[in-house]
Amino acid sequence: MEGPARGCNGRAGSPSITKRLAQPHSNERTSFQIPALRRGPQWCGGCCCMLFSLSVLVYPIWRVVAAGFTTRGGQFTLAYVKLIFTDPALVRGLINGRWWRLW
C-alpha cells in the first residue's frame, strides 16, 4: 500500500515538501526545551503545590485513618472497625454503597 506522499488535504504532495516536513532543519529545535531561567520558578511552584496538597488533603486523611486504628495510648487496635460492623445502620449503609457500586 505504498503510494505517493499525501499532504493534509489528501492530495499527493511533492517529495521536497514532504521531506521538509518530516525532517526539520538542523537549526530548528526538535523538542521543546524550557529556558534555564524559567526552570527554577516552575520547580518552586510545583513544590509549593505539592506541599499545599500534602498539608490540606493528605495529612488530614492520614490522621483520621490513623485514629481509627489506634487507642488513646497509641497502641494498634481493631476495636473501632469492630464497632462499625456491629452497628446495623452502618452495615446497611455499607451494603447500600456496595449495591450502588455494582449497579
N, C-alpha and C. Protein backbone atom coordinates (compact mmCIF):
# COMPACT_ATOMS: atom_id res chain seq x y z
N MET A 1 0.82 -1.18 0.00
CA MET A 1 0.00 0.00 0.00
C MET A 1 0.87 1.25 0.00
N GLU A 2 2.06 1.13 -0.53
CA GLU A 2 2.94 2.29 -0.67
C GLU A 2 2.44 3.12 -1.83
N GLY A 3 2.27 4.37 -1.62
CA GLY A 3 1.81 5.26 -2.66
C GLY A 3 2.52 6.59 -2.53
N PRO A 4 2.08 7.55 -3.29
CA PRO A 4 2.71 8.86 -3.19
C PRO A 4 2.40 9.48 -1.83
N ALA A 5 3.31 10.33 -1.40
CA ALA A 5 3.12 11.01 -0.11
C ALA A 5 1.91 11.92 -0.20
N ARG A 6 1.09 11.90 0.84
CA ARG A 6 -0.13 12.69 0.85
C ARG A 6 0.04 13.86 1.79
N GLY A 7 -0.50 14.99 1.42
CA GLY A 7 -0.47 16.18 2.27
C GLY A 7 -1.67 16.18 3.20
N CYS A 8 -1.90 17.30 3.88
CA CYS A 8 -3.01 17.41 4.83
C CYS A 8 -4.36 17.29 4.14
N ASN A 9 -4.47 17.73 2.88
CA ASN A 9 -5.74 17.69 2.19
C ASN A 9 -5.96 16.39 1.43
N GLY A 10 -5.05 15.42 1.53
CA GLY A 10 -5.22 14.12 0.92
C GLY A 10 -4.66 14.03 -0.49
N ARG A 11 -4.21 15.13 -1.06
CA ARG A 11 -3.63 15.08 -2.40
C ARG A 11 -2.14 14.77 -2.30
N ALA A 12 -1.64 14.22 -3.40
CA ALA A 12 -0.22 13.90 -3.42
C ALA A 12 0.59 15.18 -3.37
N GLY A 13 1.58 15.21 -2.49
CA GLY A 13 2.45 16.38 -2.36
C GLY A 13 3.78 16.13 -3.02
N SER A 14 4.52 17.17 -3.23
CA SER A 14 5.84 16.99 -3.83
C SER A 14 6.79 16.40 -2.80
N PRO A 15 7.74 15.59 -3.23
CA PRO A 15 8.67 14.95 -2.29
C PRO A 15 9.46 15.97 -1.49
N SER A 16 9.74 17.13 -2.06
CA SER A 16 10.55 18.10 -1.32
C SER A 16 9.78 18.67 -0.12
N ILE A 17 8.47 18.91 -0.29
CA ILE A 17 7.67 19.42 0.82
C ILE A 17 7.53 18.35 1.90
N THR A 18 7.27 17.12 1.49
CA THR A 18 7.12 16.03 2.45
C THR A 18 8.42 15.81 3.20
N LYS A 19 9.53 15.89 2.49
CA LYS A 19 10.82 15.68 3.12
C LYS A 19 11.09 16.80 4.13
N ARG A 20 10.75 18.04 3.77
CA ARG A 20 10.99 19.16 4.69
C ARG A 20 10.12 19.05 5.93
N LEU A 21 8.89 18.56 5.79
CA LEU A 21 8.02 18.42 6.95
C LEU A 21 8.49 17.28 7.85
N ALA A 22 8.99 16.21 7.27
CA ALA A 22 9.41 15.05 8.05
C ALA A 22 10.75 15.26 8.74
N GLN A 23 11.64 16.02 8.13
CA GLN A 23 12.98 16.23 8.67
C GLN A 23 13.21 17.72 8.87
N PRO A 24 13.16 18.19 10.13
CA PRO A 24 13.36 19.61 10.36
C PRO A 24 14.79 20.03 10.04
N HIS A 25 14.95 21.31 9.80
CA HIS A 25 16.29 21.84 9.52
C HIS A 25 17.17 21.66 10.73
N SER A 26 18.46 21.66 10.53
CA SER A 26 19.40 21.43 11.63
C SER A 26 19.38 22.58 12.64
N ASN A 27 19.00 23.80 12.22
CA ASN A 27 18.99 24.91 13.15
C ASN A 27 17.69 24.98 13.96
N GLU A 28 16.70 24.14 13.68
CA GLU A 28 15.45 24.12 14.44
C GLU A 28 15.58 23.17 15.61
N ARG A 29 14.86 23.49 16.69
CA ARG A 29 14.82 22.58 17.84
C ARG A 29 13.89 21.42 17.52
N THR A 30 14.31 20.22 17.84
CA THR A 30 13.48 19.07 17.56
C THR A 30 12.53 18.75 18.72
N SER A 31 12.82 19.25 19.92
CA SER A 31 11.92 19.05 21.05
C SER A 31 11.82 20.35 21.83
N PHE A 32 10.74 20.47 22.57
CA PHE A 32 10.52 21.68 23.35
C PHE A 32 11.46 21.69 24.55
N GLN A 33 12.15 22.78 24.74
CA GLN A 33 13.08 22.92 25.86
C GLN A 33 12.72 24.18 26.63
N ILE A 34 12.63 24.05 27.94
CA ILE A 34 12.35 25.21 28.78
C ILE A 34 13.65 25.96 29.00
N PRO A 35 13.65 27.25 28.78
CA PRO A 35 14.88 28.01 29.04
C PRO A 35 15.33 27.87 30.49
N ALA A 36 16.62 27.93 30.72
CA ALA A 36 17.19 27.69 32.04
C ALA A 36 16.65 28.68 33.08
N LEU A 37 16.34 29.90 32.69
CA LEU A 37 15.87 30.90 33.64
C LEU A 37 14.47 30.58 34.15
N ARG A 38 13.70 29.81 33.42
CA ARG A 38 12.32 29.52 33.82
C ARG A 38 12.19 28.22 34.58
N ARG A 39 13.23 27.39 34.64
CA ARG A 39 13.13 26.10 35.33
C ARG A 39 13.00 26.28 36.84
N GLY A 40 13.71 27.21 37.42
CA GLY A 40 13.67 27.43 38.86
C GLY A 40 12.29 27.82 39.36
N PRO A 41 11.65 28.85 38.80
CA PRO A 41 10.32 29.20 39.28
C PRO A 41 9.29 28.10 39.07
N GLN A 42 9.38 27.36 37.98
CA GLN A 42 8.42 26.27 37.76
C GLN A 42 8.62 25.16 38.77
N TRP A 43 9.87 24.85 39.09
CA TRP A 43 10.15 23.82 40.08
C TRP A 43 9.65 24.27 41.45
N CYS A 44 9.89 25.53 41.78
CA CYS A 44 9.45 26.08 43.07
C CYS A 44 7.92 26.08 43.14
N GLY A 45 7.26 26.47 42.07
CA GLY A 45 5.80 26.46 42.04
C GLY A 45 5.24 25.06 42.19
N GLY A 46 5.86 24.10 41.55
CA GLY A 46 5.44 22.71 41.67
C GLY A 46 5.59 22.19 43.09
N CYS A 47 6.70 22.55 43.73
CA CYS A 47 6.92 22.13 45.13
C CYS A 47 5.89 22.78 46.05
N CYS A 48 5.57 24.03 45.81
CA CYS A 48 4.57 24.71 46.63
C CYS A 48 3.20 24.05 46.47
N CYS A 49 2.84 23.66 45.26
CA CYS A 49 1.56 22.97 45.04
C CYS A 49 1.55 21.61 45.74
N MET A 50 2.67 20.90 45.69
CA MET A 50 2.74 19.60 46.36
C MET A 50 2.64 19.75 47.87
N LEU A 51 3.32 20.73 48.44
CA LEU A 51 3.25 20.96 49.88
C LEU A 51 1.84 21.35 50.31
N PHE A 52 1.18 22.18 49.51
CA PHE A 52 -0.19 22.56 49.81
C PHE A 52 -1.10 21.34 49.77
N SER A 53 -0.95 20.51 48.76
CA SER A 53 -1.78 19.31 48.65
C SER A 53 -1.54 18.36 49.82
N LEU A 54 -0.28 18.19 50.19
CA LEU A 54 0.02 17.32 51.31
C LEU A 54 -0.57 17.85 52.61
N SER A 55 -0.46 19.15 52.83
CA SER A 55 -0.91 19.71 54.10
C SER A 55 -2.43 19.80 54.19
N VAL A 56 -3.12 20.04 53.09
CA VAL A 56 -4.56 20.25 53.14
C VAL A 56 -5.34 18.97 52.86
N LEU A 57 -4.84 18.11 52.01
CA LEU A 57 -5.60 16.92 51.60
C LEU A 57 -5.10 15.63 52.25
N VAL A 58 -3.83 15.36 52.16
CA VAL A 58 -3.30 14.06 52.57
C VAL A 58 -3.16 13.96 54.09
N TYR A 59 -2.63 14.96 54.73
CA TYR A 59 -2.38 14.89 56.17
C TYR A 59 -3.66 14.69 56.98
N PRO A 60 -4.74 15.43 56.72
CA PRO A 60 -5.97 15.17 57.49
C PRO A 60 -6.53 13.76 57.29
N ILE A 61 -6.46 13.26 56.07
CA ILE A 61 -6.94 11.89 55.81
C ILE A 61 -6.08 10.89 56.58
N TRP A 62 -4.78 11.11 56.56
CA TRP A 62 -3.85 10.24 57.30
C TRP A 62 -4.20 10.23 58.78
N ARG A 63 -4.49 11.39 59.35
CA ARG A 63 -4.81 11.49 60.77
C ARG A 63 -6.10 10.75 61.11
N VAL A 64 -7.12 10.88 60.27
CA VAL A 64 -8.39 10.21 60.53
C VAL A 64 -8.23 8.70 60.45
N VAL A 65 -7.53 8.21 59.44
CA VAL A 65 -7.32 6.76 59.30
C VAL A 65 -6.48 6.24 60.46
N ALA A 66 -5.44 6.97 60.83
CA ALA A 66 -4.60 6.54 61.95
C ALA A 66 -5.39 6.50 63.25
N ALA A 67 -6.28 7.46 63.45
CA ALA A 67 -7.10 7.48 64.67
C ALA A 67 -8.06 6.29 64.72
N GLY A 68 -8.44 5.77 63.58
CA GLY A 68 -9.35 4.62 63.54
C GLY A 68 -8.68 3.32 63.93
N PHE A 69 -7.36 3.26 63.92
CA PHE A 69 -6.66 2.01 64.21
C PHE A 69 -5.75 2.10 65.43
N THR A 70 -5.84 3.17 66.20
CA THR A 70 -5.01 3.30 67.41
C THR A 70 -5.88 3.70 68.59
N THR A 71 -5.43 3.30 69.78
CA THR A 71 -6.11 3.72 71.01
C THR A 71 -5.55 5.07 71.43
N ARG A 72 -6.10 5.60 72.53
CA ARG A 72 -5.59 6.88 73.03
C ARG A 72 -4.15 6.77 73.49
N GLY A 73 -3.76 5.60 73.87
CA GLY A 73 -2.37 5.37 74.29
C GLY A 73 -1.41 5.16 73.13
N GLY A 74 -1.94 4.98 71.93
CA GLY A 74 -1.09 4.81 70.75
C GLY A 74 -0.92 3.38 70.29
N GLN A 75 -1.56 2.41 70.98
CA GLN A 75 -1.44 1.02 70.57
C GLN A 75 -2.40 0.72 69.41
N PHE A 76 -1.99 -0.25 68.59
CA PHE A 76 -2.81 -0.67 67.45
C PHE A 76 -4.03 -1.42 67.95
N THR A 77 -5.19 -1.14 67.35
CA THR A 77 -6.43 -1.83 67.74
C THR A 77 -7.37 -1.93 66.54
N LEU A 78 -8.19 -2.95 66.56
CA LEU A 78 -9.25 -3.09 65.57
C LEU A 78 -10.63 -2.91 66.21
N ALA A 79 -10.67 -2.34 67.40
CA ALA A 79 -11.93 -2.18 68.13
C ALA A 79 -12.88 -1.24 67.39
N TYR A 80 -12.36 -0.17 66.80
CA TYR A 80 -13.24 0.76 66.09
C TYR A 80 -13.80 0.12 64.81
N VAL A 81 -13.02 -0.71 64.17
CA VAL A 81 -13.50 -1.42 62.98
C VAL A 81 -14.61 -2.39 63.39
N LYS A 82 -14.44 -3.04 64.55
CA LYS A 82 -15.47 -3.95 65.05
C LYS A 82 -16.76 -3.18 65.34
N LEU A 83 -16.64 -1.98 65.89
CA LEU A 83 -17.83 -1.17 66.18
C LEU A 83 -18.58 -0.81 64.90
N ILE A 84 -17.86 -0.59 63.81
CA ILE A 84 -18.52 -0.26 62.54
C ILE A 84 -19.36 -1.44 62.06
N PHE A 85 -18.81 -2.64 62.15
CA PHE A 85 -19.52 -3.81 61.63
C PHE A 85 -20.57 -4.36 62.59
N THR A 86 -20.62 -3.87 63.82
CA THR A 86 -21.67 -4.31 64.74
C THR A 86 -22.86 -3.35 64.76
N ASP A 87 -22.73 -2.17 64.20
CA ASP A 87 -23.83 -1.21 64.16
C ASP A 87 -24.69 -1.51 62.91
N PRO A 88 -25.97 -1.85 63.09
CA PRO A 88 -26.81 -2.22 61.94
C PRO A 88 -26.99 -1.09 60.93
N ALA A 89 -27.07 0.14 61.37
CA ALA A 89 -27.25 1.25 60.43
C ALA A 89 -26.01 1.43 59.54
N LEU A 90 -24.83 1.29 60.13
CA LEU A 90 -23.61 1.42 59.33
C LEU A 90 -23.45 0.25 58.36
N VAL A 91 -23.83 -0.95 58.80
CA VAL A 91 -23.74 -2.12 57.92
C VAL A 91 -24.69 -1.95 56.74
N ARG A 92 -25.93 -1.47 57.00
CA ARG A 92 -26.86 -1.21 55.90
C ARG A 92 -26.30 -0.18 54.93
N GLY A 93 -25.66 0.85 55.46
CA GLY A 93 -25.06 1.87 54.60
C GLY A 93 -23.93 1.31 53.75
N LEU A 94 -23.13 0.43 54.35
CA LEU A 94 -22.05 -0.20 53.57
C LEU A 94 -22.60 -1.10 52.47
N ILE A 95 -23.64 -1.85 52.79
CA ILE A 95 -24.25 -2.73 51.79
C ILE A 95 -24.90 -1.90 50.69
N ASN A 96 -25.59 -0.84 51.07
CA ASN A 96 -26.22 0.03 50.08
C ASN A 96 -25.16 0.65 49.16
N GLY A 97 -24.06 1.09 49.73
CA GLY A 97 -22.98 1.64 48.91
C GLY A 97 -22.39 0.60 47.98
N ARG A 98 -22.30 -0.62 48.45
CA ARG A 98 -21.78 -1.71 47.61
C ARG A 98 -22.73 -1.97 46.44
N TRP A 99 -24.06 -1.96 46.70
CA TRP A 99 -25.02 -2.16 45.63
C TRP A 99 -24.96 -1.06 44.60
N TRP A 100 -24.78 0.18 45.06
CA TRP A 100 -24.68 1.30 44.11
C TRP A 100 -23.45 1.14 43.23
N ARG A 101 -22.38 0.62 43.80
CA ARG A 101 -21.16 0.44 43.01
C ARG A 101 -21.35 -0.65 41.95
N LEU A 102 -22.03 -1.72 42.32
CA LEU A 102 -22.22 -2.82 41.39
C LEU A 102 -23.31 -2.53 40.36
N TRP A 103 -24.26 -1.66 40.70
CA TRP A 103 -25.36 -1.38 39.80
C TRP A 103 -24.93 -0.41 38.81
